[in-house]
């Protein structure tokens, strides 16, 4: 895995933090941490997108963020996780993995 894909993974994980922060922040420090997470999430996405196919990079970023947010909302805050949500997450992840594989193939594996 090259450093650009690692940056996309980090950006997606940090995205989970700021999305949760947008909903659950209750004081100035939590809001500042949320803003910091937003900055770093998009910073890593933008830096990685300078070298990667933008559409694929963004799809992977959103896939990580969406999946992570739903899982953390379920694990940390007791949100329900239905079979339909699980199937939709699996469909999303299959699409993201397909785009990533297609991107690797069309870019010569870089």
PDB file of N, CA and C in Angstrom:
ATOM      1  N   UNK A   1       0.859  -1.176   0.000  1.00  0.00           N
ATOM      2  CA  UNK A   1       0.000   0.000   0.000  1.00  0.00           C
ATOM      3  C   UNK A   1       0.903   1.236   0.000  1.00  0.00           C
ATOM      4  N   UNK A   2       0.589   2.184  -0.872  1.00  0.00           N
ATOM      5  CA  UNK A   2       1.430   3.377  -0.895  1.00  0.00           C
ATOM      6  C   UNK A   2       0.912   4.428   0.084  1.00  0.00           C
ATOM      7  N   UNK A   3       1.705   5.480   0.277  1.00  0.00           N
ATOM      8  CA  UNK A   3       1.374   6.486   1.288  1.00  0.00           C
ATOM      9  C   UNK A   3       0.084   7.238   0.970  1.00  0.00           C
ATOM     10  N   UNK A   4      -0.267   7.378  -0.304  1.00  0.00           N
ATOM     11  CA  UNK A   4      -1.494   8.093  -0.648  1.00  0.00           C
ATOM     12  C   UNK A   4      -2.736   7.327  -0.201  1.00  0.00           C
ATOM     13  N   UNK A   5      -2.719   6.006  -0.378  1.00  0.00           N
ATOM     14  CA  UNK A   5      -3.863   5.213   0.091  1.00  0.00           C
ATOM     15  C   UNK A   5      -3.917   5.197   1.608  1.00  0.00           C
ATOM     16  N   UNK A   6      -2.761   5.213   2.254  1.00  0.00           N
ATOM     17  CA  UNK A   6      -2.734   5.300   3.712  1.00  0.00           C
ATOM     18  C   UNK A   6      -3.351   6.620   4.176  1.00  0.00           C
ATOM     19  N   UNK A   7      -3.056   7.705   3.465  1.00  0.00           N
ATOM     20  CA  UNK A   7      -3.660   9.002   3.802  1.00  0.00           C
ATOM     21  C   UNK A   7      -5.178   8.974   3.631  1.00  0.00           C
ATOM     22  N   UNK A   8      -5.664   8.273   2.605  1.00  0.00           N
ATOM     23  CA  UNK A   8      -7.114   8.160   2.406  1.00  0.00           C
ATOM     24  C   UNK A   8      -7.735   7.387   3.570  1.00  0.00           C
ATOM     25  N   UNK A   9      -7.092   6.313   3.991  1.00  0.00           N
ATOM     26  CA  UNK A   9      -7.608   5.525   5.115  1.00  0.00           C
ATOM     27  C   UNK A   9      -7.635   6.376   6.388  1.00  0.00           C
ATOM     28  N   UNK A  10      -6.556   7.112   6.647  1.00  0.00           N
ATOM     29  CA  UNK A  10      -6.514   7.981   7.823  1.00  0.00           C
ATOM     30  C   UNK A  10      -7.599   9.048   7.731  1.00  0.00           C
ATOM     31  N   UNK A  11      -7.748   9.650   6.552  1.00  0.00           N
ATOM     32  CA  UNK A  11      -8.778  10.675   6.359  1.00  0.00           C
ATOM     33  C   UNK A  11     -10.173  10.111   6.639  1.00  0.00           C
ATOM     34  N   UNK A  12     -10.439   8.893   6.186  1.00  0.00           N
ATOM     35  CA  UNK A  12     -11.741   8.271   6.425  1.00  0.00           C
ATOM     36  C   UNK A  12     -11.982   7.980   7.893  1.00  0.00           C
ATOM     37  N   UNK A  13     -10.949   7.543   8.590  1.00  0.00           N
ATOM     38  CA  UNK A  13     -11.084   7.265  10.027  1.00  0.00           C
ATOM     39  C   UNK A  13     -11.307   8.562  10.800  1.00  0.00           C
ATOM     40  N   UNK A  14     -10.552   9.603  10.445  1.00  0.00           N
ATOM     41  CA  UNK A  14     -10.731  10.898  11.107  1.00  0.00           C
ATOM     42  C   UNK A  14     -12.112  11.466  10.796  1.00  0.00           C
ATOM     43  N   UNK A  15     -12.627  11.181   9.596  1.00  0.00           N
ATOM     44  CA  UNK A  15     -13.976  11.631   9.242  1.00  0.00           C
ATOM     45  C   UNK A  15     -14.999  11.083  10.231  1.00  0.00           C
ATOM     46  N   UNK A  16     -14.847   9.833  10.632  1.00  0.00           N
ATOM     47  CA  UNK A  16     -15.764   9.237  11.603  1.00  0.00           C
ATOM     48  C   UNK A  16     -15.778  10.082  12.876  1.00  0.00           C
ATOM     49  N   UNK A  17     -14.602  10.511  13.314  1.00  0.00           N
ATOM     50  CA  UNK A  17     -14.508  11.336  14.520  1.00  0.00           C
ATOM     51  C   UNK A  17     -15.225  12.656  14.394  1.00  0.00           C
ATOM     52  N   UNK A  18     -15.046  13.340  13.257  1.00  0.00           N
ATOM     53  CA  UNK A  18     -15.696  14.649  13.168  1.00  0.00           C
ATOM     54  C   UNK A  18     -17.195  14.542  12.939  1.00  0.00           C
ATOM     55  N   UNK A  19     -17.641  13.488  12.274  1.00  0.00           N
ATOM     56  CA  UNK A  19     -19.091  13.315  12.101  1.00  0.00           C
ATOM     57  C   UNK A  19     -19.752  13.068  13.460  1.00  0.00           C
ATOM     58  N   UNK A  20     -19.122  12.222  14.274  1.00  0.00           N
ATOM     59  CA  UNK A  20     -19.639  11.986  15.623  1.00  0.00           C
ATOM     60  C   UNK A  20     -19.566  13.282  16.437  1.00  0.00           C
ATOM     61  N   UNK A  21     -18.472  14.027  16.271  1.00  0.00           N
ATOM     62  CA  UNK A  21     -18.319  15.295  16.970  1.00  0.00           C
ATOM     63  C   UNK A  21     -19.383  16.305  16.605  1.00  0.00           C
ATOM     64  N   UNK A  22     -19.803  16.330  15.340  1.00  0.00           N
ATOM     65  CA  UNK A  22     -20.860  17.269  14.935  1.00  0.00           C
ATOM     66  C   UNK A  22     -22.155  17.009  15.695  1.00  0.00           C
ATOM     67  N   UNK A  23     -22.425  15.753  15.973  1.00  0.00           N
ATOM     68  CA  UNK A  23     -23.678  15.408  16.659  1.00  0.00           C
ATOM     69  C   UNK A  23     -23.550  15.506  18.175  1.00  0.00           C
ATOM     70  N   UNK A  24     -22.397  15.121  18.719  1.00  0.00           N
ATOM     71  CA  UNK A  24     -22.309  14.932  20.165  1.00  0.00           C
ATOM     72  C   UNK A  24     -21.469  15.972  20.905  1.00  0.00           C
ATOM     73  N   UNK A  25     -20.887  16.939  20.217  1.00  0.00           N
ATOM     74  CA  UNK A  25     -20.111  17.963  20.916  1.00  0.00           C
ATOM     75  C   UNK A  25     -21.028  18.821  21.773  1.00  0.00           C
ATOM     76  N   UNK A  26     -20.533  19.145  22.979  1.00  0.00           N
ATOM     77  CA  UNK A  26     -21.375  19.922  23.894  1.00  0.00           C
ATOM     78  C   UNK A  26     -20.626  21.070  24.564  1.00  0.00           C
ATOM     79  N   UNK A  27     -19.331  21.218  24.266  1.00  0.00           N
ATOM     80  CA  UNK A  27     -18.598  22.352  24.838  1.00  0.00           C
ATOM     81  C   UNK A  27     -17.563  22.836  23.822  1.00  0.00           C
ATOM     82  N   UNK A  28     -16.928  23.936  24.151  1.00  0.00           N
ATOM     83  CA  UNK A  28     -15.997  24.578  23.222  1.00  0.00           C
ATOM     84  C   UNK A  28     -14.867  23.650  22.805  1.00  0.00           C
ATOM     85  N   UNK A  29     -14.276  22.911  23.750  1.00  0.00           N
ATOM     86  CA  UNK A  29     -13.159  22.024  23.431  1.00  0.00           C
ATOM     87  C   UNK A  29     -13.569  20.916  22.470  1.00  0.00           C
ATOM     88  N   UNK A  30     -14.746  20.359  22.666  1.00  0.00           N
ATOM     89  CA  UNK A  30     -15.227  19.303  21.761  1.00  0.00           C
ATOM     90  C   UNK A  30     -15.487  19.865  20.368  1.00  0.00           C
ATOM     91  N   UNK A  31     -16.033  21.083  20.296  1.00  0.00           N
ATOM     92  CA  UNK A  31     -16.241  21.708  18.988  1.00  0.00           C
ATOM     93  C   UNK A  31     -14.911  22.015  18.306  1.00  0.00           C
ATOM     94  N   UNK A  32     -13.918  22.454  19.080  1.00  0.00           N
ATOM     95  CA  UNK A  32     -12.597  22.728  18.499  1.00  0.00           C
ATOM     96  C   UNK A  32     -11.942  21.444  17.997  1.00  0.00           C
ATOM     97  N   UNK A  33     -12.067  20.352  18.753  1.00  0.00           N
ATOM     98  CA  UNK A  33     -11.539  19.064  18.296  1.00  0.00           C
ATOM     99  C   UNK A  33     -12.247  18.605  17.015  1.00  0.00           C
ATOM    100  N   UNK A  34     -13.548  18.859  16.952  1.00  0.00           N
ATOM    101  CA  UNK A  34     -14.305  18.510  15.743  1.00  0.00           C
ATOM    102  C   UNK A  34     -13.803  19.305  14.548  1.00  0.00           C
ATOM    103  N   UNK A  35     -13.581  20.605  14.735  1.00  0.00           N
ATOM    104  CA  UNK A  35     -13.048  21.437  13.645  1.00  0.00           C
ATOM    105  C   UNK A  35     -11.651  20.982  13.230  1.00  0.00           C
ATOM    106  N   UNK A  36     -10.835  20.615  14.187  1.00  0.00           N
ATOM    107  CA  UNK A  36      -9.501  20.109  13.891  1.00  0.00           C
ATOM    108  C   UNK A  36      -9.579  18.804  13.099  1.00  0.00           C
ATOM    109  N   UNK A  37     -10.495  17.937  13.479  1.00  0.00           N
ATOM    110  CA  UNK A  37     -10.678  16.673  12.756  1.00  0.00           C
ATOM    111  C   UNK A  37     -11.154  16.932  11.332  1.00  0.00           C
ATOM    112  N   UNK A  38     -12.056  17.888  11.154  1.00  0.00           N
ATOM    113  CA  UNK A  38     -12.517  18.242   9.804  1.00  0.00           C
ATOM    114  C   UNK A  38     -11.330  18.697   8.962  1.00  0.00           C
ATOM    115  N   UNK A  39     -10.518  19.570   9.526  1.00  0.00           N
ATOM    116  CA  UNK A  39      -9.351  20.073   8.797  1.00  0.00           C
ATOM    117  C   UNK A  39      -8.436  18.930   8.359  1.00  0.00           C
ATOM    118  N   UNK A  40      -8.043  18.081   9.318  1.00  0.00           N
ATOM    119  CA  UNK A  40      -7.101  17.004   8.993  1.00  0.00           C
ATOM    120  C   UNK A  40      -7.709  15.977   8.043  1.00  0.00           C
ATOM    121  N   UNK A  41      -8.973  15.690   8.195  1.00  0.00           N
ATOM    122  CA  UNK A  41      -9.625  14.732   7.313  1.00  0.00           C
ATOM    123  C   UNK A  41      -9.549  15.209   5.855  1.00  0.00           C
ATOM    124  N   UNK A  42      -9.927  16.456   5.641  1.00  0.00           N
ATOM    125  CA  UNK A  42      -9.904  16.974   4.272  1.00  0.00           C
ATOM    126  C   UNK A  42      -8.487  17.262   3.790  1.00  0.00           C
ATOM    127  N   UNK A  43      -7.588  17.621   4.699  1.00  0.00           N
ATOM    128  CA  UNK A  43      -6.191  17.821   4.317  1.00  0.00           C
ATOM    129  C   UNK A  43      -5.618  16.527   3.731  1.00  0.00           C
ATOM    130  N   UNK A  44      -5.792  15.420   4.454  1.00  0.00           N
ATOM    131  CA  UNK A  44      -5.280  14.140   3.960  1.00  0.00           C
ATOM    132  C   UNK A  44      -5.960  13.725   2.662  1.00  0.00           C
ATOM    133  N   UNK A  45      -7.258  13.947   2.555  1.00  0.00           N
ATOM    134  CA  UNK A  45      -7.981  13.618   1.317  1.00  0.00           C
ATOM    135  C   UNK A  45      -7.437  14.433   0.144  1.00  0.00           C
ATOM    136  N   UNK A  46      -7.256  15.716   0.340  1.00  0.00           N
ATOM    137  CA  UNK A  46      -6.779  16.588  -0.740  1.00  0.00           C
ATOM    138  C   UNK A  46      -5.353  16.220  -1.146  1.00  0.00           C
ATOM    139  N   UNK A  47      -4.465  15.999  -0.167  1.00  0.00           N
ATOM    140  CA  UNK A  47      -3.084  15.625  -0.479  1.00  0.00           C
ATOM    141  C   UNK A  47      -3.027  14.317  -1.256  1.00  0.00           C
ATOM    142  N   UNK A  48      -3.791  13.321  -0.820  1.00  0.00           N
ATOM    143  CA  UNK A  48      -3.775  12.031  -1.509  1.00  0.00           C
ATOM    144  C   UNK A  48      -4.385  12.140  -2.900  1.00  0.00           C
ATOM    145  N   UNK A  49      -5.379  12.982  -3.047  1.00  0.00           N
ATOM    146  CA  UNK A  49      -6.054  13.127  -4.342  1.00  0.00           C
ATOM    147  C   UNK A  49      -5.190  13.804  -5.392  1.00  0.00           C
ATOM    148  N   UNK A  50      -4.115  14.416  -4.973  1.00  0.00           N
ATOM    149  CA  UNK A  50      -3.191  15.009  -5.937  1.00  0.00           C
ATOM    150  C   UNK A  50      -2.470  13.936  -6.733  1.00  0.00           C
ATOM    151  N   UNK A  51      -2.383  12.741  -6.197  1.00  0.00           N
ATOM    152  CA  UNK A  51      -1.693  11.641  -6.867  1.00  0.00           C
ATOM    153  C   UNK A  51      -2.632  10.522  -7.326  1.00  0.00           C
ATOM    154  N   UNK A  52      -3.778  10.384  -6.678  1.00  0.00           N
ATOM    155  CA  UNK A  52      -4.717   9.297  -6.984  1.00  0.00           C
ATOM    156  C   UNK A  52      -5.866   9.799  -7.841  1.00  0.00           C
ATOM    157  N   UNK A  53      -6.592   8.871  -8.432  1.00  0.00           N
ATOM    158  CA  UNK A  53      -7.812   9.232  -9.159  1.00  0.00           C
ATOM    159  C   UNK A  53      -8.794   9.808  -8.141  1.00  0.00           C
ATOM    160  N   UNK A  54      -9.245  11.026  -8.375  1.00  0.00           N
ATOM    161  CA  UNK A  54     -10.058  11.745  -7.396  1.00  0.00           C
ATOM    162  C   UNK A  54     -11.354  11.001  -7.080  1.00  0.00           C
ATOM    163  N   UNK A  55     -12.035  10.513  -8.095  1.00  0.00           N
ATOM    164  CA  UNK A  55     -13.308   9.818  -7.874  1.00  0.00           C
ATOM    165  C   UNK A  55     -13.152   8.576  -7.023  1.00  0.00           C
ATOM    166  N   UNK A  56     -12.125   7.807  -7.294  1.00  0.00           N
ATOM    167  CA  UNK A  56     -11.876   6.589  -6.524  1.00  0.00           C
ATOM    168  C   UNK A  56     -11.455   6.933  -5.104  1.00  0.00           C
ATOM    169  N   UNK A  57     -10.561   7.907  -4.959  1.00  0.00           N
ATOM    170  CA  UNK A  57     -10.113   8.313  -3.626  1.00  0.00           C
ATOM    171  C   UNK A  57     -11.290   8.793  -2.791  1.00  0.00           C
ATOM    172  N   UNK A  58     -12.155   9.595  -3.379  1.00  0.00           N
ATOM    173  CA  UNK A  58     -13.309  10.113  -2.649  1.00  0.00           C
ATOM    174  C   UNK A  58     -14.283   8.994  -2.291  1.00  0.00           C
ATOM    175  N   UNK A  59     -14.483   8.052  -3.202  1.00  0.00           N
ATOM    176  CA  UNK A  59     -15.380   6.930  -2.921  1.00  0.00           C
ATOM    177  C   UNK A  59     -14.870   6.096  -1.754  1.00  0.00           C
ATOM    178  N   UNK A  60     -13.572   5.850  -1.710  1.00  0.00           N
ATOM    179  CA  UNK A  60     -12.989   5.089  -0.600  1.00  0.00           C
ATOM    180  C   UNK A  60     -13.120   5.884   0.693  1.00  0.00           C
ATOM    181  N   UNK A  61     -12.839   7.173   0.646  1.00  0.00           N
ATOM    182  CA  UNK A  61     -12.970   8.066   1.803  1.00  0.00           C
ATOM    183  C   UNK A  61     -14.394   8.021   2.363  1.00  0.00           C
ATOM    184  N   UNK A  62     -15.367   8.179   1.491  1.00  0.00           N
ATOM    185  CA  UNK A  62     -16.768   8.184   1.918  1.00  0.00           C
ATOM    186  C   UNK A  62     -17.187   6.801   2.419  1.00  0.00           C
ATOM    187  N   UNK A  63     -16.711   5.755   1.764  1.00  0.00           N
ATOM    188  CA  UNK A  63     -17.041   4.396   2.198  1.00  0.00           C
ATOM    189  C   UNK A  63     -16.538   4.111   3.602  1.00  0.00           C
ATOM    190  N   UNK A  64     -15.294   4.497   3.874  1.00  0.00           N
ATOM    191  CA  UNK A  64     -14.732   4.316   5.217  1.00  0.00           C
ATOM    192  C   UNK A  64     -15.514   5.145   6.226  1.00  0.00           C
ATOM    193  N   UNK A  65     -15.769   6.394   5.869  1.00  0.00           N
ATOM    194  CA  UNK A  65     -16.487   7.285   6.778  1.00  0.00           C
ATOM    195  C   UNK A  65     -17.904   6.823   7.073  1.00  0.00           C
ATOM    196  N   UNK A  66     -18.613   6.414   6.052  1.00  0.00           N
ATOM    197  CA  UNK A  66     -19.993   5.965   6.230  1.00  0.00           C
ATOM    198  C   UNK A  66     -20.050   4.693   7.062  1.00  0.00           C
ATOM    199  N   UNK A  67     -19.250   3.722   6.700  1.00  0.00           N
ATOM    200  CA  UNK A  67     -19.233   2.456   7.428  1.00  0.00           C
ATOM    201  C   UNK A  67     -18.800   2.672   8.876  1.00  0.00           C
ATOM    202  N   UNK A  68     -17.730   3.413   9.058  1.00  0.00           N
ATOM    203  CA  UNK A  68     -17.239   3.670  10.409  1.00  0.00           C
ATOM    204  C   UNK A  68     -18.227   4.433  11.266  1.00  0.00           C
ATOM    205  N   UNK A  69     -18.895   5.420  10.679  1.00  0.00           N
ATOM    206  CA  UNK A  69     -19.867   6.205  11.429  1.00  0.00           C
ATOM    207  C   UNK A  69     -21.047   5.352  11.866  1.00  0.00           C
ATOM    208  N   UNK A  70     -21.548   4.532  10.973  1.00  0.00           N
ATOM    209  CA  UNK A  70     -22.671   3.658  11.327  1.00  0.00           C
ATOM    210  C   UNK A  70     -22.259   2.666  12.405  1.00  0.00           C
ATOM    211  N   UNK A  71     -21.084   2.064  12.270  1.00  0.00           N
ATOM    212  CA  UNK A  71     -20.621   1.101  13.274  1.00  0.00           C
ATOM    213  C   UNK A  71     -20.369   1.761  14.628  1.00  0.00           C
ATOM    214  N   UNK A  72     -19.736   2.932  14.638  1.00  0.00           N
ATOM    215  CA  UNK A  72     -19.479   3.628  15.906  1.00  0.00           C
ATOM    216  C   UNK A  72     -20.778   4.117  16.543  1.00  0.00           C
ATOM    217  N   UNK A  73     -21.720   4.567  15.723  1.00  0.00           N
ATOM    218  CA  UNK A  73     -23.019   4.991  16.252  1.00  0.00           C
ATOM    219  C   UNK A  73     -23.723   3.814  16.920  1.00  0.00           C
ATOM    220  N   UNK A  74     -23.562   2.631  16.348  1.00  0.00           N
ATOM    221  CA  UNK A  74     -24.162   1.428  16.926  1.00  0.00           C
ATOM    222  C   UNK A  74     -23.428   1.009  18.196  1.00  0.00           C
ATOM    223  N   UNK A  75     -22.099   0.964  18.146  1.00  0.00           N
ATOM    224  CA  UNK A  75     -21.307   0.490  19.282  1.00  0.00           C
ATOM    225  C   UNK A  75     -21.283   1.468  20.452  1.00  0.00           C
ATOM    226  N   UNK A  76     -21.157   2.760  20.167  1.00  0.00           N
ATOM    227  CA  UNK A  76     -20.988   3.747  21.228  1.00  0.00           C
ATOM    228  C   UNK A  76     -22.296   4.369  21.717  1.00  0.00           C
ATOM    229  N   UNK A  77     -23.283   4.482  20.819  1.00  0.00           N
ATOM    230  CA  UNK A  77     -24.477   5.237  21.172  1.00  0.00           C
ATOM    231  C   UNK A  77     -25.764   4.430  21.086  1.00  0.00           C
ATOM    232  N   UNK A  78     -25.647   3.123  20.863  1.00  0.00           N
ATOM    233  CA  UNK A  78     -26.808   2.242  20.921  1.00  0.00           C
ATOM    234  C   UNK A  78     -27.778   2.341  19.762  1.00  0.00           C
ATOM    235  N   UNK A  79     -27.349   2.875  18.639  1.00  0.00           N
ATOM    236  CA  UNK A  79     -28.212   2.916  17.455  1.00  0.00           C
ATOM    237  C   UNK A  79     -28.488   1.488  16.986  1.00  0.00           C
ATOM    238  N   UNK A  80     -29.644   1.282  16.403  1.00  0.00           N
ATOM    239  CA  UNK A  80     -29.982  -0.071  15.936  1.00  0.00           C
ATOM    240  C   UNK A  80     -29.269  -0.370  14.621  1.00  0.00           C
ATOM    241  N   UNK A  81     -28.890  -1.610  14.465  1.00  0.00           N
ATOM    242  CA  UNK A  81     -28.228  -2.070  13.250  1.00  0.00           C
ATOM    243  C   UNK A  81     -29.075  -3.202  12.676  1.00  0.00           C
ATOM    244  N   UNK A  82     -29.866  -2.860  11.681  1.00  0.00           N
ATOM    245  CA  UNK A  82     -30.764  -3.839  11.073  1.00  0.00           C
ATOM    246  C   UNK A  82     -30.043  -4.623   9.983  1.00  0.00           C
ATOM    247  N   UNK A  83     -30.652  -5.711   9.563  1.00  0.00           N
ATOM    248  CA  UNK A  83     -30.094  -6.527   8.486  1.00  0.00           C
ATOM    249  C   UNK A  83     -30.028  -5.710   7.187  1.00  0.00           C
ATOM    250  N   UNK A  84     -30.977  -4.814   6.994  1.00  0.00           N
ATOM    251  CA  UNK A  84     -30.970  -3.965   5.793  1.00  0.00           C
ATOM    252  C   UNK A  84     -29.757  -3.036   5.812  1.00  0.00           C
ATOM    253  N   UNK A  85     -29.454  -2.440   6.993  1.00  0.00           N
ATOM    254  CA  UNK A  85     -28.270  -1.581   7.097  1.00  0.00           C
ATOM    255  C   UNK A  85     -26.999  -2.371   6.798  1.00  0.00           C
ATOM    256  N   UNK A  86     -26.916  -3.572   7.336  1.00  0.00           N
ATOM    257  CA  UNK A  86     -25.740  -4.406   7.104  1.00  0.00           C
ATOM    258  C   UNK A  86     -25.601  -4.722   5.614  1.00  0.00           C
ATOM    259  N   UNK A  87     -26.685  -5.083   4.964  1.00  0.00           N
ATOM    260  CA  UNK A  87     -26.641  -5.375   3.526  1.00  0.00           C
ATOM    261  C   UNK A  87     -26.247  -4.144   2.716  1.00  0.00           C
ATOM    262  N   UNK A  88     -26.749  -2.993   3.090  1.00  0.00           N
ATOM    263  CA  UNK A  88     -26.399  -1.765   2.375  1.00  0.00           C
ATOM    264  C   UNK A  88     -24.929  -1.393   2.596  1.00  0.00           C
ATOM    265  N   UNK A  89     -24.433  -1.578   3.818  1.00  0.00           N
ATOM    266  CA  UNK A  89     -23.014  -1.334   4.081  1.00  0.00           C
ATOM    267  C   UNK A  89     -22.158  -2.277   3.241  1.00  0.00           C
ATOM    268  N   UNK A  90     -22.551  -3.540   3.176  1.00  0.00           N
ATOM    269  CA  UNK A  90     -21.796  -4.513   2.380  1.00  0.00           C
ATOM    270  C   UNK A  90     -21.815  -4.135   0.901  1.00  0.00           C
ATOM    271  N   UNK A  91     -22.945  -3.647   0.411  1.00  0.00           N
ATOM    272  CA  UNK A  91     -23.047  -3.198  -0.983  1.00  0.00           C
ATOM    273  C   UNK A  91     -22.127  -2.002  -1.220  1.00  0.00           C
ATOM    274  N   UNK A  92     -22.141  -1.053  -0.281  1.00  0.00           N
ATOM    275  CA  UNK A  92     -21.268   0.114  -0.384  1.00  0.00           C
ATOM    276  C   UNK A  92     -19.802  -0.305  -0.410  1.00  0.00           C
ATOM    277  N   UNK A  93     -19.420  -1.178   0.508  1.00  0.00           N
ATOM    278  CA  UNK A  93     -18.026  -1.622   0.570  1.00  0.00           C
ATOM    279  C   UNK A  93     -17.619  -2.416  -0.668  1.00  0.00           C
ATOM    280  N   UNK A  94     -18.530  -3.214  -1.202  1.00  0.00           N
ATOM    281  CA  UNK A  94     -18.227  -3.951  -2.438  1.00  0.00           C
ATOM    282  C   UNK A  94     -17.975  -2.972  -3.584  1.00  0.00           C
ATOM    283  N   UNK A  95     -18.777  -1.920  -3.663  1.00  0.00           N
ATOM    284  CA  UNK A  95     -18.585  -0.910  -4.699  1.00  0.00           C
ATOM    285  C   UNK A  95     -17.270  -0.170  -4.541  1.00  0.00           C
ATOM    286  N   UNK A  96     -16.938   0.186  -3.309  1.00  0.00           N
ATOM    287  CA  UNK A  96     -15.678   0.893  -3.043  1.00  0.00           C
ATOM    288  C   UNK A  96     -14.492   0.004  -3.389  1.00  0.00           C
ATOM    289  N   UNK A  97     -14.544  -1.268  -2.967  1.00  0.00           N
ATOM    290  CA  UNK A  97     -13.443  -2.186  -3.288  1.00  0.00           C
ATOM    291  C   UNK A  97     -13.331  -2.390  -4.792  1.00  0.00           C
ATOM    292  N   UNK A  98     -14.459  -2.486  -5.484  1.00  0.00           N
ATOM    293  CA  UNK A  98     -14.433  -2.625  -6.933  1.00  0.00           C
ATOM    294  C   UNK A  98     -13.794  -1.423  -7.603  1.00  0.00           C
ATOM    295  N   UNK A  99     -14.149  -0.212  -7.144  1.00  0.00           N
ATOM    296  CA  UNK A  99     -13.533   0.993  -7.704  1.00  0.00           C
ATOM    297  C   UNK A  99     -12.036   1.031  -7.439  1.00  0.00           C
ATOM    298  N   UNK A 100     -11.640   0.638  -6.243  1.00  0.00           N
ATOM    299  CA  UNK A 100     -10.215   0.627  -5.900  1.00  0.00           C
ATOM    300  C   UNK A 100      -9.465  -0.369  -6.785  1.00  0.00           C
ATOM    301  N   UNK A 101     -10.010  -1.559  -6.961  1.00  0.00           N
ATOM    302  CA  UNK A 101      -9.358  -2.563  -7.805  1.00  0.00           C
ATOM    303  C   UNK A 101      -9.301  -2.107  -9.249  1.00  0.00           C
ATOM    304  N   UNK A 102     -10.381  -1.518  -9.730  1.00  0.00           N
ATOM    305  CA  UNK A 102     -10.416  -1.026 -11.099  1.00  0.00           C
ATOM    306  C   UNK A 102      -9.405   0.113 -11.274  1.00  0.00           C
ATOM    307  N   UNK A 103      -9.301   0.968 -10.282  1.00  0.00           N
ATOM    308  CA  UNK A 103      -8.361   2.081 -10.330  1.00  0.00           C
ATOM    309  C   UNK A 103      -6.926   1.549 -10.380  1.00  0.00           C
ATOM    310  N   UNK A 104      -6.619   0.556  -9.538  1.00  0.00           N
ATOM    311  CA  UNK A 104      -5.273  -0.039  -9.558  1.00  0.00           C
ATOM    312  C   UNK A 104      -4.951  -0.632 -10.919  1.00  0.00           C
ATOM    313  N   UNK A 105      -5.938  -1.307 -11.509  1.00  0.00           N
ATOM    314  CA  UNK A 105      -5.725  -1.944 -12.815  1.00  0.00           C
ATOM    315  C   UNK A 105      -5.519  -0.894 -13.909  1.00  0.00           C
ATOM    316  N   UNK A 106      -6.349   0.139 -13.929  1.00  0.00           N
ATOM    317  CA  UNK A 106      -6.264   1.137 -15.001  1.00  0.00           C
ATOM    318  C   UNK A 106      -5.075   2.068 -14.829  1.00  0.00           C
ATOM    319  N   UNK A 107      -4.539   2.194 -13.585  1.00  0.00           N
ATOM    320  CA  UNK A 107      -3.384   3.039 -13.357  1.00  0.00           C
ATOM    321  C   UNK A 107      -2.084   2.243 -13.359  1.00  0.00           C
ATOM    322  N   UNK A 108      -2.170   0.984 -13.766  1.00  0.00           N
ATOM    323  CA  UNK A 108      -0.974   0.164 -13.826  1.00  0.00           C
ATOM    324  C   UNK A 108      -0.490  -0.296 -12.461  1.00  0.00           C
ATOM    325  N   UNK A 109      -1.406  -0.338 -11.476  1.00  0.00           N
ATOM    326  CA  UNK A 109      -1.047  -0.836 -10.157  1.00  0.00           C
ATOM    327  C   UNK A 109      -0.376   0.188  -9.251  1.00  0.00           C
ATOM    328  N   UNK A 110      -0.347   1.443  -9.633  1.00  0.00           N
ATOM    329  CA  UNK A 110       0.287   2.480  -8.800  1.00  0.00           C
ATOM    330  C   UNK A 110      -0.677   2.970  -7.767  1.00  0.00           C
TER     331      UNK A 110
END
